């Protein structure tokens, strides 16, 4: 069982930055790929980024490439999402998720956090 708790959300102006963090419980954190997803009001939850257990592989959805950076610290059981050059369309609840296998889909994730709200004003 893995418990995930996100933090770092908030209100920021367009062009600004936020750093989301996700703290995970459990001793097997490094065995999970960790992902970030987001869900805007009235829309489906969508993939944002994922990082492999070792941190050596990362993947981003096209809309955030070059602006967002995912990272992890296996010694601290944390995964972060640095978000720069934020746009109003980035506004959403951001969820941290853990996956046993390398997946980029909602159904492919095994554990979820409760989310943190990011609001980008224009």
N, C-alpha and C. Protein backbone atom coordinates (compact mmCIF):
# COMPACT_ATOMS: atom_id res chain seq x y z
N UNK A 1 0.85 -1.20 0.00
CA UNK A 1 0.00 0.00 0.00
C UNK A 1 0.88 1.25 0.00
N UNK A 2 0.52 2.19 -0.83
CA UNK A 2 1.25 3.45 -0.93
C UNK A 2 0.27 4.59 -0.70
N UNK A 3 0.63 5.49 0.18
CA UNK A 3 -0.18 6.69 0.40
C UNK A 3 0.57 7.90 -0.16
N UNK A 4 -0.16 8.73 -0.87
CA UNK A 4 0.44 9.88 -1.54
C UNK A 4 -0.23 11.17 -1.08
N UNK A 5 0.56 12.17 -0.79
CA UNK A 5 0.04 13.45 -0.35
C UNK A 5 0.71 14.56 -1.15
N UNK A 6 -0.10 15.30 -1.90
CA UNK A 6 0.42 16.40 -2.71
C UNK A 6 0.42 17.70 -1.93
N UNK A 7 1.29 18.60 -2.34
CA UNK A 7 1.34 19.94 -1.77
C UNK A 7 1.94 20.88 -2.80
N UNK A 8 1.80 22.18 -2.55
CA UNK A 8 2.44 23.17 -3.41
C UNK A 8 1.53 23.90 -4.37
N UNK A 9 0.27 23.50 -4.41
CA UNK A 9 -0.64 24.20 -5.30
C UNK A 9 -0.96 25.60 -4.80
N UNK A 10 -1.61 26.38 -5.64
CA UNK A 10 -1.97 27.73 -5.26
C UNK A 10 -2.37 28.56 -6.44
N UNK A 11 -2.46 29.85 -6.19
CA UNK A 11 -2.84 30.82 -7.22
C UNK A 11 -1.58 31.54 -7.71
N UNK A 12 -1.43 31.59 -9.02
CA UNK A 12 -0.26 32.24 -9.62
C UNK A 12 -0.70 32.96 -10.88
N UNK A 13 0.00 34.03 -11.21
CA UNK A 13 -0.30 34.75 -12.44
C UNK A 13 0.31 34.02 -13.64
N UNK A 14 -0.28 34.22 -14.78
CA UNK A 14 0.26 33.64 -16.01
C UNK A 14 1.72 34.06 -16.17
N UNK A 15 2.54 33.10 -16.57
CA UNK A 15 3.97 33.33 -16.69
C UNK A 15 4.76 32.98 -15.45
N UNK A 16 4.06 32.75 -14.36
CA UNK A 16 4.71 32.43 -13.10
C UNK A 16 5.06 30.97 -12.97
N UNK A 17 5.54 30.61 -11.78
CA UNK A 17 5.99 29.25 -11.53
C UNK A 17 5.41 28.71 -10.23
N UNK A 18 5.27 27.41 -10.19
CA UNK A 18 4.90 26.69 -8.98
C UNK A 18 5.68 25.38 -8.95
N UNK A 19 5.92 24.89 -7.75
CA UNK A 19 6.57 23.60 -7.58
C UNK A 19 5.66 22.70 -6.75
N UNK A 20 5.17 21.67 -7.36
CA UNK A 20 4.34 20.70 -6.66
C UNK A 20 5.21 19.60 -6.10
N UNK A 21 4.83 19.13 -4.93
CA UNK A 21 5.53 18.01 -4.32
C UNK A 21 4.54 16.92 -3.94
N UNK A 22 5.03 15.71 -3.93
CA UNK A 22 4.22 14.57 -3.54
C UNK A 22 5.05 13.72 -2.60
N UNK A 23 4.55 13.54 -1.40
CA UNK A 23 5.23 12.71 -0.42
C UNK A 23 4.57 11.34 -0.38
N UNK A 24 5.38 10.31 -0.44
CA UNK A 24 4.87 8.95 -0.48
C UNK A 24 5.27 8.17 0.75
N UNK A 25 4.37 7.32 1.20
CA UNK A 25 4.67 6.42 2.30
C UNK A 25 5.19 5.11 1.74
N UNK A 26 5.74 4.27 2.58
CA UNK A 26 6.16 2.95 2.15
C UNK A 26 7.65 2.86 1.87
N UNK A 27 8.16 1.63 1.96
CA UNK A 27 9.59 1.41 1.81
C UNK A 27 9.97 1.04 0.39
N UNK A 28 8.98 0.90 -0.50
CA UNK A 28 9.28 0.45 -1.86
C UNK A 28 9.05 1.56 -2.88
N UNK A 29 9.21 2.78 -2.46
CA UNK A 29 8.93 3.93 -3.33
C UNK A 29 9.69 3.84 -4.64
N UNK A 30 10.94 3.46 -4.60
CA UNK A 30 11.75 3.44 -5.81
C UNK A 30 11.32 2.38 -6.82
N UNK A 31 10.46 1.48 -6.42
CA UNK A 31 9.98 0.46 -7.34
C UNK A 31 8.80 0.94 -8.18
N UNK A 32 8.29 2.10 -7.88
CA UNK A 32 7.13 2.63 -8.61
C UNK A 32 7.53 3.75 -9.57
N UNK A 33 6.95 3.69 -10.74
CA UNK A 33 6.96 4.87 -11.59
C UNK A 33 5.97 5.87 -10.98
N UNK A 34 6.32 7.13 -11.03
CA UNK A 34 5.47 8.15 -10.42
C UNK A 34 4.99 9.12 -11.48
N UNK A 35 3.71 9.40 -11.44
CA UNK A 35 3.14 10.27 -12.45
C UNK A 35 2.39 11.45 -11.85
N UNK A 36 2.23 12.45 -12.68
CA UNK A 36 1.36 13.59 -12.36
C UNK A 36 0.26 13.66 -13.43
N UNK A 37 -0.94 13.83 -12.96
CA UNK A 37 -2.11 14.00 -13.81
C UNK A 37 -2.81 15.28 -13.38
N UNK A 38 -3.71 15.76 -14.21
CA UNK A 38 -4.49 16.94 -13.83
C UNK A 38 -5.91 16.82 -14.36
N UNK A 39 -6.78 17.51 -13.66
CA UNK A 39 -8.19 17.50 -14.06
C UNK A 39 -8.77 18.89 -13.89
N UNK A 40 -9.16 19.47 -15.00
CA UNK A 40 -9.81 20.77 -15.00
C UNK A 40 -11.31 20.58 -14.84
N UNK A 41 -12.03 21.60 -14.36
CA UNK A 41 -13.48 21.47 -14.18
C UNK A 41 -14.17 21.07 -15.48
N UNK A 42 -15.00 20.06 -15.40
CA UNK A 42 -15.75 19.61 -16.55
C UNK A 42 -14.98 18.78 -17.56
N UNK A 43 -13.73 18.48 -17.23
CA UNK A 43 -12.90 17.71 -18.16
C UNK A 43 -12.42 16.42 -17.51
N UNK A 44 -11.98 15.50 -18.34
CA UNK A 44 -11.45 14.25 -17.83
C UNK A 44 -10.05 14.46 -17.27
N UNK A 45 -9.69 13.58 -16.37
CA UNK A 45 -8.33 13.60 -15.84
C UNK A 45 -7.36 13.23 -16.96
N UNK A 46 -6.26 13.99 -17.05
CA UNK A 46 -5.33 13.76 -18.14
C UNK A 46 -3.90 13.62 -17.63
N UNK A 47 -3.13 12.89 -18.39
CA UNK A 47 -1.71 12.66 -18.09
C UNK A 47 -0.92 13.95 -18.28
N UNK A 48 0.02 14.20 -17.36
CA UNK A 48 0.91 15.34 -17.48
C UNK A 48 2.36 14.87 -17.65
N UNK A 49 2.82 14.02 -16.73
CA UNK A 49 4.22 13.61 -16.76
C UNK A 49 4.40 12.34 -15.94
N UNK A 50 5.48 11.63 -16.24
CA UNK A 50 5.81 10.43 -15.48
C UNK A 50 7.31 10.28 -15.40
N UNK A 51 7.77 9.66 -14.32
CA UNK A 51 9.19 9.42 -14.12
C UNK A 51 9.37 7.99 -13.65
N UNK A 52 10.39 7.34 -14.14
CA UNK A 52 10.64 5.95 -13.79
C UNK A 52 11.14 5.83 -12.34
N UNK A 53 11.17 4.61 -11.84
CA UNK A 53 11.58 4.37 -10.46
C UNK A 53 12.97 4.89 -10.14
N UNK A 54 13.86 4.75 -11.09
CA UNK A 54 15.24 5.21 -10.89
C UNK A 54 15.40 6.70 -11.15
N UNK A 55 14.41 7.27 -11.82
CA UNK A 55 14.50 8.67 -12.21
C UNK A 55 15.17 8.87 -13.56
N UNK A 56 15.58 7.79 -14.19
CA UNK A 56 16.34 7.92 -15.42
C UNK A 56 15.51 8.17 -16.66
N UNK A 57 14.24 7.90 -16.57
CA UNK A 57 13.35 8.11 -17.72
C UNK A 57 12.19 9.01 -17.33
N UNK A 58 11.87 9.94 -18.21
CA UNK A 58 10.75 10.85 -17.99
C UNK A 58 9.97 11.01 -19.28
N UNK A 59 8.73 11.40 -19.12
CA UNK A 59 7.87 11.62 -20.27
C UNK A 59 6.90 12.74 -19.92
N UNK A 60 6.58 13.55 -20.93
CA UNK A 60 5.68 14.68 -20.72
C UNK A 60 4.61 14.71 -21.81
N UNK A 61 3.45 15.20 -21.46
CA UNK A 61 2.47 15.47 -22.48
C UNK A 61 2.95 16.68 -23.29
N UNK A 62 2.57 16.76 -24.54
CA UNK A 62 3.12 17.79 -25.43
C UNK A 62 2.89 19.21 -24.92
N UNK A 63 1.76 19.45 -24.29
CA UNK A 63 1.41 20.82 -23.90
C UNK A 63 2.29 21.37 -22.78
N UNK A 64 3.04 20.53 -22.09
CA UNK A 64 3.88 21.02 -20.99
C UNK A 64 5.37 20.84 -21.27
N UNK A 65 5.71 20.24 -22.37
CA UNK A 65 7.12 20.04 -22.70
C UNK A 65 7.86 21.37 -22.75
N UNK A 66 9.02 21.39 -22.12
CA UNK A 66 9.82 22.61 -22.08
C UNK A 66 9.43 23.58 -20.99
N UNK A 67 8.30 23.33 -20.33
CA UNK A 67 7.84 24.20 -19.25
C UNK A 67 7.83 23.49 -17.90
N UNK A 68 7.50 22.22 -17.90
CA UNK A 68 7.40 21.43 -16.66
C UNK A 68 8.58 20.46 -16.57
N UNK A 69 9.03 20.23 -15.34
CA UNK A 69 10.09 19.26 -15.10
C UNK A 69 9.72 18.37 -13.93
N UNK A 70 9.74 17.08 -14.17
CA UNK A 70 9.45 16.12 -13.10
C UNK A 70 10.77 15.59 -12.54
N UNK A 71 10.79 15.36 -11.24
CA UNK A 71 11.99 14.82 -10.60
C UNK A 71 11.56 14.02 -9.38
N UNK A 72 12.47 13.21 -8.89
CA UNK A 72 12.16 12.43 -7.70
C UNK A 72 13.40 12.30 -6.82
N UNK A 73 13.15 12.11 -5.54
CA UNK A 73 14.22 11.86 -4.57
C UNK A 73 13.83 10.59 -3.83
N UNK A 74 14.42 9.49 -4.20
CA UNK A 74 14.04 8.21 -3.60
C UNK A 74 14.47 8.09 -2.14
N UNK A 75 15.46 8.85 -1.74
CA UNK A 75 15.87 8.84 -0.34
C UNK A 75 14.83 9.51 0.55
N UNK A 76 14.11 10.46 -0.03
CA UNK A 76 13.09 11.19 0.72
C UNK A 76 11.67 10.77 0.37
N UNK A 77 11.53 9.82 -0.54
CA UNK A 77 10.21 9.36 -0.98
C UNK A 77 9.36 10.51 -1.50
N UNK A 78 9.93 11.33 -2.33
CA UNK A 78 9.20 12.45 -2.88
C UNK A 78 9.35 12.53 -4.39
N UNK A 79 8.34 13.07 -5.02
CA UNK A 79 8.38 13.38 -6.44
C UNK A 79 7.88 14.81 -6.60
N UNK A 80 8.53 15.55 -7.47
CA UNK A 80 8.21 16.95 -7.65
C UNK A 80 7.85 17.26 -9.09
N UNK A 81 7.10 18.32 -9.25
CA UNK A 81 6.78 18.82 -10.59
C UNK A 81 7.02 20.33 -10.58
N UNK A 82 8.10 20.73 -11.23
CA UNK A 82 8.40 22.15 -11.36
C UNK A 82 7.67 22.68 -12.58
N UNK A 83 6.83 23.66 -12.36
CA UNK A 83 6.00 24.20 -13.44
C UNK A 83 6.37 25.65 -13.68
N UNK A 84 6.90 25.93 -14.85
CA UNK A 84 7.29 27.28 -15.22
C UNK A 84 6.44 27.78 -16.38
N UNK A 85 6.48 29.08 -16.59
CA UNK A 85 5.73 29.70 -17.69
C UNK A 85 4.28 29.23 -17.70
N UNK A 86 3.67 29.28 -16.56
CA UNK A 86 2.31 28.76 -16.43
C UNK A 86 1.32 29.56 -17.25
N UNK A 87 0.32 28.85 -17.75
CA UNK A 87 -0.72 29.44 -18.57
C UNK A 87 -2.07 29.21 -17.89
N UNK A 88 -3.05 30.03 -18.19
CA UNK A 88 -4.39 29.81 -17.60
C UNK A 88 -4.92 28.40 -17.88
N UNK A 89 -4.59 27.85 -19.03
CA UNK A 89 -5.07 26.50 -19.35
C UNK A 89 -4.39 25.40 -18.54
N UNK A 90 -3.38 25.76 -17.75
CA UNK A 90 -2.78 24.79 -16.82
C UNK A 90 -3.57 24.67 -15.53
N UNK A 91 -4.56 25.52 -15.34
CA UNK A 91 -5.37 25.48 -14.13
C UNK A 91 -6.11 24.15 -14.02
N UNK A 92 -5.95 23.51 -12.88
CA UNK A 92 -6.57 22.20 -12.68
C UNK A 92 -6.22 21.71 -11.28
N UNK A 93 -6.86 20.63 -10.89
CA UNK A 93 -6.40 19.89 -9.73
C UNK A 93 -5.33 18.92 -10.22
N UNK A 94 -4.18 18.96 -9.58
CA UNK A 94 -3.07 18.11 -9.97
C UNK A 94 -2.96 16.94 -9.00
N UNK A 95 -2.87 15.75 -9.58
CA UNK A 95 -2.82 14.53 -8.79
C UNK A 95 -1.49 13.82 -8.98
N UNK A 96 -0.97 13.31 -7.91
CA UNK A 96 0.20 12.46 -7.92
C UNK A 96 -0.29 11.01 -7.95
N UNK A 97 0.42 10.17 -8.68
CA UNK A 97 0.01 8.78 -8.78
C UNK A 97 1.22 7.87 -8.87
N UNK A 98 1.05 6.64 -8.42
CA UNK A 98 2.12 5.65 -8.45
C UNK A 98 1.68 4.46 -9.30
N UNK A 99 2.61 3.95 -10.07
CA UNK A 99 2.30 2.84 -10.97
C UNK A 99 3.36 1.76 -10.87
N UNK A 100 2.89 0.52 -10.81
CA UNK A 100 3.82 -0.60 -10.81
C UNK A 100 4.52 -0.75 -12.15
N UNK A 101 3.78 -0.45 -13.20
CA UNK A 101 4.33 -0.55 -14.55
C UNK A 101 4.37 0.83 -15.20
N UNK A 102 5.14 0.94 -16.25
CA UNK A 102 5.30 2.20 -16.99
C UNK A 102 4.04 2.45 -17.80
N UNK A 103 3.16 3.27 -17.24
CA UNK A 103 1.88 3.56 -17.86
C UNK A 103 1.64 5.06 -17.86
N UNK A 104 0.89 5.54 -18.84
CA UNK A 104 0.55 6.96 -18.90
C UNK A 104 -0.95 7.17 -18.90
N UNK A 105 -1.67 6.20 -18.40
CA UNK A 105 -3.13 6.31 -18.39
C UNK A 105 -3.66 6.32 -16.97
N UNK A 106 -4.84 6.87 -16.80
CA UNK A 106 -5.46 6.90 -15.48
C UNK A 106 -5.63 5.48 -14.95
N UNK A 107 -6.10 4.59 -15.81
CA UNK A 107 -6.35 3.21 -15.37
C UNK A 107 -5.06 2.46 -15.07
N UNK A 108 -3.95 2.96 -15.59
CA UNK A 108 -2.68 2.28 -15.38
C UNK A 108 -2.00 2.59 -14.05
N UNK A 109 -2.55 3.54 -13.32
CA UNK A 109 -1.95 3.92 -12.05
C UNK A 109 -2.58 3.12 -10.91
N UNK A 110 -1.76 2.76 -9.94
CA UNK A 110 -2.23 1.91 -8.86
C UNK A 110 -2.66 2.69 -7.61
N UNK A 111 -2.05 3.82 -7.37
CA UNK A 111 -2.36 4.61 -6.19
C UNK A 111 -2.45 6.09 -6.58
N UNK A 112 -3.32 6.80 -5.87
CA UNK A 112 -3.55 8.21 -6.14
C UNK A 112 -3.52 9.03 -4.87
N UNK A 113 -3.05 10.26 -5.01
CA UNK A 113 -3.23 11.24 -3.96
C UNK A 113 -4.57 11.92 -4.12
N UNK A 114 -4.86 12.84 -3.22
CA UNK A 114 -6.15 13.53 -3.25
C UNK A 114 -6.11 14.79 -4.09
N UNK A 115 -4.94 15.22 -4.51
CA UNK A 115 -4.83 16.35 -5.41
C UNK A 115 -4.54 17.67 -4.73
N UNK A 116 -4.00 18.58 -5.53
CA UNK A 116 -3.74 19.94 -5.08
C UNK A 116 -4.14 20.88 -6.21
N UNK A 117 -4.80 21.97 -5.85
CA UNK A 117 -5.38 22.86 -6.83
C UNK A 117 -4.37 23.91 -7.30
N UNK A 118 -4.27 24.02 -8.61
CA UNK A 118 -3.44 25.05 -9.24
C UNK A 118 -4.35 25.96 -10.05
N UNK A 119 -4.27 27.25 -9.76
CA UNK A 119 -5.06 28.22 -10.49
C UNK A 119 -4.12 29.27 -11.08
N UNK A 120 -4.20 29.43 -12.39
CA UNK A 120 -3.35 30.39 -13.08
C UNK A 120 -4.24 31.50 -13.61
N UNK A 121 -4.01 32.69 -13.14
CA UNK A 121 -4.83 33.83 -13.57
C UNK A 121 -4.20 34.52 -14.77
N UNK A 122 -5.05 35.07 -15.62
CA UNK A 122 -4.56 35.74 -16.83
C UNK A 122 -4.28 37.20 -16.58
